[in-house]
Amino acid sequence: MRVGPADEMQVGEVRRLVLGGTPVALFRLQDGFFAIGDTCSHAEASLSEGEVDAGAGEVTCERHGARFDIRTGKNRSLPATRPVPRFPARVVEGQVEVEME
């Protein structure tokens, strides 16, 4: 699913999208675009509103501080004990595409 021009996002930026009814956080890191579920697996909080550490490739949930790997969706710290979904993202002809199942 095309979600917009790649050149409209800067490295370290995140955008919240709703694709097919699913909240998705789209990140741009130095090595590309990555999409994970936008809802923290510990509590109902939006990861796209959390703090992004582009160098470490992780996002910290603003509600309780759980950290997640932006590239894989894996939880990196408590209180989260489960990962969030990961959705493949790529750039095709200058447009970012996110693959939804």
C-alpha atoms as a PDB file:
ATOM      1  CA  MET A   1       0.000   0.000   0.000  1.00  0.00           C
ATOM      2  CA  ARG A   2       1.486   3.360  -1.040  1.00  0.00           C
ATOM      3  CA  VAL A   3       1.611   5.834   1.833  1.00  0.00           C
ATOM      4  CA  GLY A   4       3.430   8.861   0.387  1.00  0.00           C
ATOM      5  CA  PRO A   5       6.601  10.298  -1.121  1.00  0.00           C
ATOM      6  CA  ALA A   6       9.829   9.134   0.511  1.00  0.00           C
ATOM      7  CA  ASP A   7      11.389  12.581   0.349  1.00  0.00           C
ATOM      8  CA  GLU A   8       8.704  14.036   2.644  1.00  0.00           C
ATOM      9  CA  MET A   9      10.176  12.287   5.708  1.00  0.00           C
ATOM     10  CA  GLN A  10      13.509  13.081   7.340  1.00  0.00           C
ATOM     11  CA  VAL A  11      15.796  10.592   9.128  1.00  0.00           C
ATOM     12  CA  GLY A  12      14.513  10.164  12.688  1.00  0.00           C
ATOM     13  CA  GLU A  13      10.954  11.147  11.777  1.00  0.00           C
ATOM     14  CA  VAL A  14       7.893   9.018  12.556  1.00  0.00           C
ATOM     15  CA  ARG A  15       4.348   9.202  11.211  1.00  0.00           C
ATOM     16  CA  ARG A  16       1.187   7.573  12.464  1.00  0.00           C
ATOM     17  CA  LEU A  17      -0.878   5.910   9.735  1.00  0.00           C
ATOM     18  CA  VAL A  18      -4.039   3.837   9.758  1.00  0.00           C
ATOM     19  CA  LEU A  19      -3.821   1.191   7.045  1.00  0.00           C
ATOM     20  CA  GLY A  20      -6.714  -1.191   6.556  1.00  0.00           C
ATOM     21  CA  GLY A  21      -7.977  -0.224  10.002  1.00  0.00           C
ATOM     22  CA  THR A  22      -4.619  -0.988  11.652  1.00  0.00           C
ATOM     23  CA  PRO A  23      -2.653   1.775  13.421  1.00  0.00           C
ATOM     24  CA  VAL A  24       0.920   1.768  12.070  1.00  0.00           C
ATOM     25  CA  ALA A  25       4.003   3.787  13.040  1.00  0.00           C
ATOM     26  CA  LEU A  26       6.198   4.504  10.006  1.00  0.00           C
ATOM     27  CA  PHE A  27       9.803   5.445  10.786  1.00  0.00           C
ATOM     28  CA  ARG A  28      12.629   6.697   8.610  1.00  0.00           C
ATOM     29  CA  LEU A  29      16.074   5.669   9.782  1.00  0.00           C
ATOM     30  CA  GLN A  30      19.433   6.166   8.089  1.00  0.00           C
ATOM     31  CA  ASP A  31      19.115   2.739   6.429  1.00  0.00           C
ATOM     32  CA  GLY A  32      15.526   3.034   5.231  1.00  0.00           C
ATOM     33  CA  PHE A  33      11.862   2.971   6.182  1.00  0.00           C
ATOM     34  CA  PHE A  34      10.380   0.670   8.807  1.00  0.00           C
ATOM     35  CA  ALA A  35       6.796   0.098   9.936  1.00  0.00           C
ATOM     36  CA  ILE A  36       5.577  -1.431  13.189  1.00  0.00           C
ATOM     37  CA  GLY A  37       2.258  -1.569  15.011  1.00  0.00           C
ATOM     38  CA  ASP A  38       1.574   1.815  16.577  1.00  0.00           C
ATOM     39  CA  THR A  39       0.049   0.481  19.799  1.00  0.00           C
ATOM     40  CA  CYS A  40       2.409  -0.449  22.659  1.00  0.00           C
ATOM     41  CA  SER A  41       2.038  -4.113  23.613  1.00  0.00           C
ATOM     42  CA  HIS A  42       2.046  -3.197  27.313  1.00  0.00           C
ATOM     43  CA  ALA A  43      -0.603  -0.462  27.376  1.00  0.00           C
ATOM     44  CA  GLU A  44      -2.852   1.399  24.987  1.00  0.00           C
ATOM     45  CA  ALA A  45      -0.351   4.088  23.972  1.00  0.00           C
ATOM     46  CA  SER A  46       0.749   5.312  20.553  1.00  0.00           C
ATOM     47  CA  LEU A  47       4.371   4.494  19.773  1.00  0.00           C
ATOM     48  CA  SER A  48       4.445   7.204  17.101  1.00  0.00           C
ATOM     49  CA  GLU A  49       4.113   9.705  19.965  1.00  0.00           C
ATOM     50  CA  GLY A  50       7.095   8.204  21.789  1.00  0.00           C
ATOM     51  CA  GLU A  51      10.738   9.238  21.736  1.00  0.00           C
ATOM     52  CA  VAL A  52      12.689   8.019  18.688  1.00  0.00           C
ATOM     53  CA  ASP A  53      16.386   7.194  19.004  1.00  0.00           C
ATOM     54  CA  ALA A  54      17.304   6.869  15.329  1.00  0.00           C
ATOM     55  CA  GLY A  55      20.907   5.898  16.110  1.00  0.00           C
ATOM     56  CA  ALA A  56      19.839   2.976  18.286  1.00  0.00           C
ATOM     57  CA  GLY A  57      16.891   2.157  16.023  1.00  0.00           C
ATOM     58  CA  GLU A  58      14.392   2.181  18.850  1.00  0.00           C
ATOM     59  CA  VAL A  59      11.304   3.990  20.071  1.00  0.00           C
ATOM     60  CA  THR A  60      10.363   4.511  23.719  1.00  0.00           C
ATOM     61  CA  CYS A  61       6.695   4.449  24.664  1.00  0.00           C
ATOM     62  CA  GLU A  62       5.770   7.719  26.308  1.00  0.00           C
ATOM     63  CA  ARG A  63       3.381   6.130  28.803  1.00  0.00           C
ATOM     64  CA  HIS A  64       5.591   3.683  30.741  1.00  0.00           C
ATOM     65  CA  GLY A  65       8.986   3.775  29.029  1.00  0.00           C
ATOM     66  CA  ALA A  66       8.946   0.409  27.243  1.00  0.00           C
ATOM     67  CA  ARG A  67      11.447   0.353  24.357  1.00  0.00           C
ATOM     68  CA  PHE A  68      10.904  -1.348  20.985  1.00  0.00           C
ATOM     69  CA  ASP A  69      13.200  -2.144  18.068  1.00  0.00           C
ATOM     70  CA  ILE A  70      11.988  -0.078  15.110  1.00  0.00           C
ATOM     71  CA  ARG A  71      13.322  -2.594  12.552  1.00  0.00           C
ATOM     72  CA  THR A  72      11.768  -5.737  14.067  1.00  0.00           C
ATOM     73  CA  GLY A  73       9.052  -4.663  16.532  1.00  0.00           C
ATOM     74  CA  LYS A  74      10.735  -6.676  19.311  1.00  0.00           C
ATOM     75  CA  ASN A  75      10.382  -5.374  22.843  1.00  0.00           C
ATOM     76  CA  ARG A  76      13.721  -4.321  24.340  1.00  0.00           C
ATOM     77  CA  SER A  77      12.676  -3.460  27.875  1.00  0.00           C
ATOM     78  CA  LEU A  78      10.040  -3.891  30.526  1.00  0.00           C
ATOM     79  CA  PRO A  79       7.247  -3.311  31.178  1.00  0.00           C
ATOM     80  CA  ALA A  80       6.545  -4.618  27.649  1.00  0.00           C
ATOM     81  CA  THR A  81       6.926  -8.390  27.474  1.00  0.00           C
ATOM     82  CA  ARG A  82       5.654  -8.890  23.911  1.00  0.00           C
ATOM     83  CA  PRO A  83       6.721  -7.474  20.541  1.00  0.00           C
ATOM     84  CA  VAL A  84       4.515  -5.339  18.302  1.00  0.00           C
ATOM     85  CA  PRO A  85       3.750  -6.364  14.710  1.00  0.00           C
ATOM     86  CA  ARG A  86       6.243  -5.525  11.964  1.00  0.00           C
ATOM     87  CA  PHE A  87       5.155  -4.611   8.437  1.00  0.00           C
ATOM     88  CA  PRO A  88       7.615  -4.659   5.513  1.00  0.00           C
ATOM     89  CA  ALA A  89       8.276  -1.180   4.103  1.00  0.00           C
ATOM     90  CA  ARG A  90      10.188  -0.172   0.975  1.00  0.00           C
ATOM     91  CA  VAL A  91      10.576   2.667  -1.511  1.00  0.00           C
ATOM     92  CA  VAL A  92       9.319   2.089  -5.061  1.00  0.00           C
ATOM     93  CA  GLU A  93       9.667   4.856  -7.633  1.00  0.00           C
ATOM     94  CA  GLY A  94      10.085   7.444  -4.877  1.00  0.00           C
ATOM     95  CA  GLN A  95       6.976   6.305  -2.972  1.00  0.00           C
ATOM     96  CA  VAL A  96       6.973   4.554   0.402  1.00  0.00           C
ATOM     97  CA  GLU A  97       5.007   1.317   0.403  1.00  0.00           C
ATOM     98  CA  VAL A  98       3.955  -0.655   3.476  1.00  0.00           C
ATOM     99  CA  GLU A  99       2.921  -4.267   3.030  1.00  0.00           C
ATOM    100  CA  MET A 100      -0.138  -5.220   5.032  1.00  0.00           C
ATOM    101  CA  GLU A 101      -1.223  -8.854   5.368  1.00  0.00           C
END
